[in-house]
Amino acid sequence: SSKQEKATSGLELFVNRQISVITNDGRNLVGILRGFDQCINCILDECHERVFSPTVGVEQVVLGLYIVRGDNISVVGVIDTDLDATIDYAQIKADPLKPVVH
């Protein structure tokens, strides 16, 4: 489809950059985009999940090399690594994202 072609051509700009992926079930995955296919399946290197909680700081769960199915991706964005490095995630408390409802 035309929408899918635009999504894949847009993702080409993100290859080898650190990105954040928000999944349909509300997970926040951060890693370096190494590749993707026509179904928007993404390969993330040095991947970790940022787990938010209202009671404790953000837990960073190391996942390593990780594949995210395209049909489970809601949002993809490039991370400003300089800005991200200044954030103390251990001090951030927040409710986890709710799942996306289609």
C-alpha atoms as a PDB file:
ATOM      1  CA  SER A   1       0.000   0.000   0.000  1.00  0.00           C
ATOM      2  CA  SER A   2       1.042   3.615  -0.434  1.00  0.00           C
ATOM      3  CA  LYS A   3       0.897   4.235   3.332  1.00  0.00           C
ATOM      4  CA  GLN A   4       3.266   1.318   3.937  1.00  0.00           C
ATOM      5  CA  GLU A   5       5.696   2.557   1.248  1.00  0.00           C
ATOM      6  CA  LYS A   6       5.838   5.972   2.931  1.00  0.00           C
ATOM      7  CA  ALA A   7       6.497   4.341   6.315  1.00  0.00           C
ATOM      8  CA  THR A   8       9.378   2.225   5.011  1.00  0.00           C
ATOM      9  CA  SER A   9      10.944   5.123   3.101  1.00  0.00           C
ATOM     10  CA  GLY A  10      10.693   7.262   6.267  1.00  0.00           C
ATOM     11  CA  LEU A  11      12.349   4.567   8.362  1.00  0.00           C
ATOM     12  CA  GLU A  12      15.390   4.574   6.060  1.00  0.00           C
ATOM     13  CA  LEU A  13      16.337   7.923   7.624  1.00  0.00           C
ATOM     14  CA  PHE A  14      16.469   6.244  11.059  1.00  0.00           C
ATOM     15  CA  VAL A  15      18.840   3.360  10.193  1.00  0.00           C
ATOM     16  CA  ASN A  16      21.930   3.276  12.453  1.00  0.00           C
ATOM     17  CA  ARG A  17      20.374   5.888  14.757  1.00  0.00           C
ATOM     18  CA  GLN A  18      19.016   5.419  18.267  1.00  0.00           C
ATOM     19  CA  ILE A  19      15.223   5.243  18.172  1.00  0.00           C
ATOM     20  CA  SER A  20      12.335   4.788  20.545  1.00  0.00           C
ATOM     21  CA  VAL A  21       9.567   2.365  19.619  1.00  0.00           C
ATOM     22  CA  ILE A  22       6.209   2.444  21.388  1.00  0.00           C
ATOM     23  CA  THR A  23       4.416  -0.865  20.889  1.00  0.00           C
ATOM     24  CA  ASN A  24       0.669  -1.476  20.729  1.00  0.00           C
ATOM     25  CA  ASP A  25       0.811  -3.017  24.224  1.00  0.00           C
ATOM     26  CA  GLY A  26       2.423   0.144  25.657  1.00  0.00           C
ATOM     27  CA  ARG A  27       6.068  -0.961  25.866  1.00  0.00           C
ATOM     28  CA  ASN A  28       8.843   1.603  25.299  1.00  0.00           C
ATOM     29  CA  LEU A  29      11.808   0.026  23.501  1.00  0.00           C
ATOM     30  CA  VAL A  30      15.008   1.961  22.822  1.00  0.00           C
ATOM     31  CA  GLY A  31      17.773   0.764  20.525  1.00  0.00           C
ATOM     32  CA  ILE A  32      19.767   1.366  17.378  1.00  0.00           C
ATOM     33  CA  LEU A  33      17.745   0.612  14.247  1.00  0.00           C
ATOM     34  CA  ARG A  34      19.860  -1.797  12.178  1.00  0.00           C
ATOM     35  CA  GLY A  35      17.247  -2.724   9.608  1.00  0.00           C
ATOM     36  CA  PHE A  36      13.606  -3.268   8.715  1.00  0.00           C
ATOM     37  CA  ASP A  37      11.515  -4.939   6.035  1.00  0.00           C
ATOM     38  CA  GLN A  38       8.392  -4.168   4.003  1.00  0.00           C
ATOM     39  CA  CYS A  39       6.203  -5.233   6.970  1.00  0.00           C
ATOM     40  CA  ILE A  40       7.982  -2.670   9.203  1.00  0.00           C
ATOM     41  CA  ASN A  41       9.521  -5.484  11.280  1.00  0.00           C
ATOM     42  CA  CYS A  42      12.455  -3.699  12.945  1.00  0.00           C
ATOM     43  CA  ILE A  43      15.833  -4.987  14.112  1.00  0.00           C
ATOM     44  CA  LEU A  44      17.077  -3.065  17.157  1.00  0.00           C
ATOM     45  CA  ASP A  45      20.652  -3.415  18.403  1.00  0.00           C
ATOM     46  CA  GLU A  46      21.737  -2.576  21.970  1.00  0.00           C
ATOM     47  CA  CYS A  47      18.031  -2.591  22.791  1.00  0.00           C
ATOM     48  CA  HIS A  48      16.537  -2.002  26.213  1.00  0.00           C
ATOM     49  CA  GLU A  49      13.022  -1.532  27.491  1.00  0.00           C
ATOM     50  CA  ARG A  50      12.173   1.439  29.678  1.00  0.00           C
ATOM     51  CA  VAL A  51       9.631   0.191  32.211  1.00  0.00           C
ATOM     52  CA  PHE A  52       7.721   3.027  33.869  1.00  0.00           C
ATOM     53  CA  SER A  53       6.155   2.756  37.315  1.00  0.00           C
ATOM     54  CA  PRO A  54       4.257   5.223  39.513  1.00  0.00           C
ATOM     55  CA  THR A  55       6.164   4.058  42.614  1.00  0.00           C
ATOM     56  CA  VAL A  56       9.815   3.582  41.538  1.00  0.00           C
ATOM     57  CA  GLY A  57      12.105   5.106  38.922  1.00  0.00           C
ATOM     58  CA  VAL A  58      12.290   3.824  35.354  1.00  0.00           C
ATOM     59  CA  GLU A  59      13.732   0.320  35.114  1.00  0.00           C
ATOM     60  CA  GLN A  60      15.979  -0.219  32.080  1.00  0.00           C
ATOM     61  CA  VAL A  61      15.715  -3.884  31.052  1.00  0.00           C
ATOM     62  CA  VAL A  62      18.552  -4.934  28.716  1.00  0.00           C
ATOM     63  CA  LEU A  63      17.281  -6.930  25.725  1.00  0.00           C
ATOM     64  CA  GLY A  64      20.334  -6.878  23.413  1.00  0.00           C
ATOM     65  CA  LEU A  65      19.633  -7.594  19.737  1.00  0.00           C
ATOM     66  CA  TYR A  66      15.845  -7.496  19.400  1.00  0.00           C
ATOM     67  CA  ILE A  67      13.251  -7.841  16.641  1.00  0.00           C
ATOM     68  CA  VAL A  68       9.959  -5.958  16.905  1.00  0.00           C
ATOM     69  CA  ARG A  69       7.090  -7.116  14.696  1.00  0.00           C
ATOM     70  CA  GLY A  70       5.800  -4.325  12.506  1.00  0.00           C
ATOM     71  CA  ASP A  71       2.168  -5.042  13.321  1.00  0.00           C
ATOM     72  CA  ASN A  72       2.959  -4.394  16.999  1.00  0.00           C
ATOM     73  CA  ILE A  73       4.500  -0.933  16.447  1.00  0.00           C
ATOM     74  CA  SER A  74       2.476   2.212  17.216  1.00  0.00           C
ATOM     75  CA  VAL A  75       5.103   4.981  17.111  1.00  0.00           C
ATOM     76  CA  VAL A  76       8.763   5.245  16.059  1.00  0.00           C
ATOM     77  CA  GLY A  77      10.920   8.287  16.721  1.00  0.00           C
ATOM     78  CA  VAL A  78      14.588   9.259  16.694  1.00  0.00           C
ATOM     79  CA  ILE A  79      16.105   9.961  20.106  1.00  0.00           C
ATOM     80  CA  ASP A  80      18.170  13.079  20.710  1.00  0.00           C
ATOM     81  CA  THR A  81      21.062  11.195  22.331  1.00  0.00           C
ATOM     82  CA  ASP A  82      22.636  14.326  23.833  1.00  0.00           C
ATOM     83  CA  LEU A  83      19.388  15.309  25.549  1.00  0.00           C
ATOM     84  CA  ASP A  84      18.628  11.706  26.529  1.00  0.00           C
ATOM     85  CA  ALA A  85      22.017  11.408  28.262  1.00  0.00           C
ATOM     86  CA  THR A  86      21.075  14.291  30.602  1.00  0.00           C
ATOM     87  CA  ILE A  87      17.906  12.590  31.886  1.00  0.00           C
ATOM     88  CA  ASP A  88      18.131  10.669  35.167  1.00  0.00           C
ATOM     89  CA  TYR A  89      15.556   7.975  34.449  1.00  0.00           C
ATOM     90  CA  ALA A  90      16.011   6.459  37.921  1.00  0.00           C
ATOM     91  CA  GLN A  91      14.266   9.573  39.294  1.00  0.00           C
ATOM     92  CA  ILE A  92      11.310   9.526  36.885  1.00  0.00           C
ATOM     93  CA  LYS A  93       8.052   8.006  38.105  1.00  0.00           C
ATOM     94  CA  ALA A  94       5.103   7.665  35.749  1.00  0.00           C
ATOM     95  CA  ASP A  95       2.212   5.364  34.972  1.00  0.00           C
ATOM     96  CA  PRO A  96       2.970   2.873  32.201  1.00  0.00           C
ATOM     97  CA  LEU A  97       1.321   3.537  28.846  1.00  0.00           C
ATOM     98  CA  LYS A  98      -1.979   1.821  28.272  1.00  0.00           C
ATOM     99  CA  PRO A  99      -2.331  -0.516  25.273  1.00  0.00           C
ATOM    100  CA  VAL A 100      -3.425   1.008  21.969  1.00  0.00           C
ATOM    101  CA  VAL A 101      -7.075   0.289  21.192  1.00  0.00           C
ATOM    102  CA  HIS A 102      -7.892  -0.069  17.471  1.00  0.00           C
END
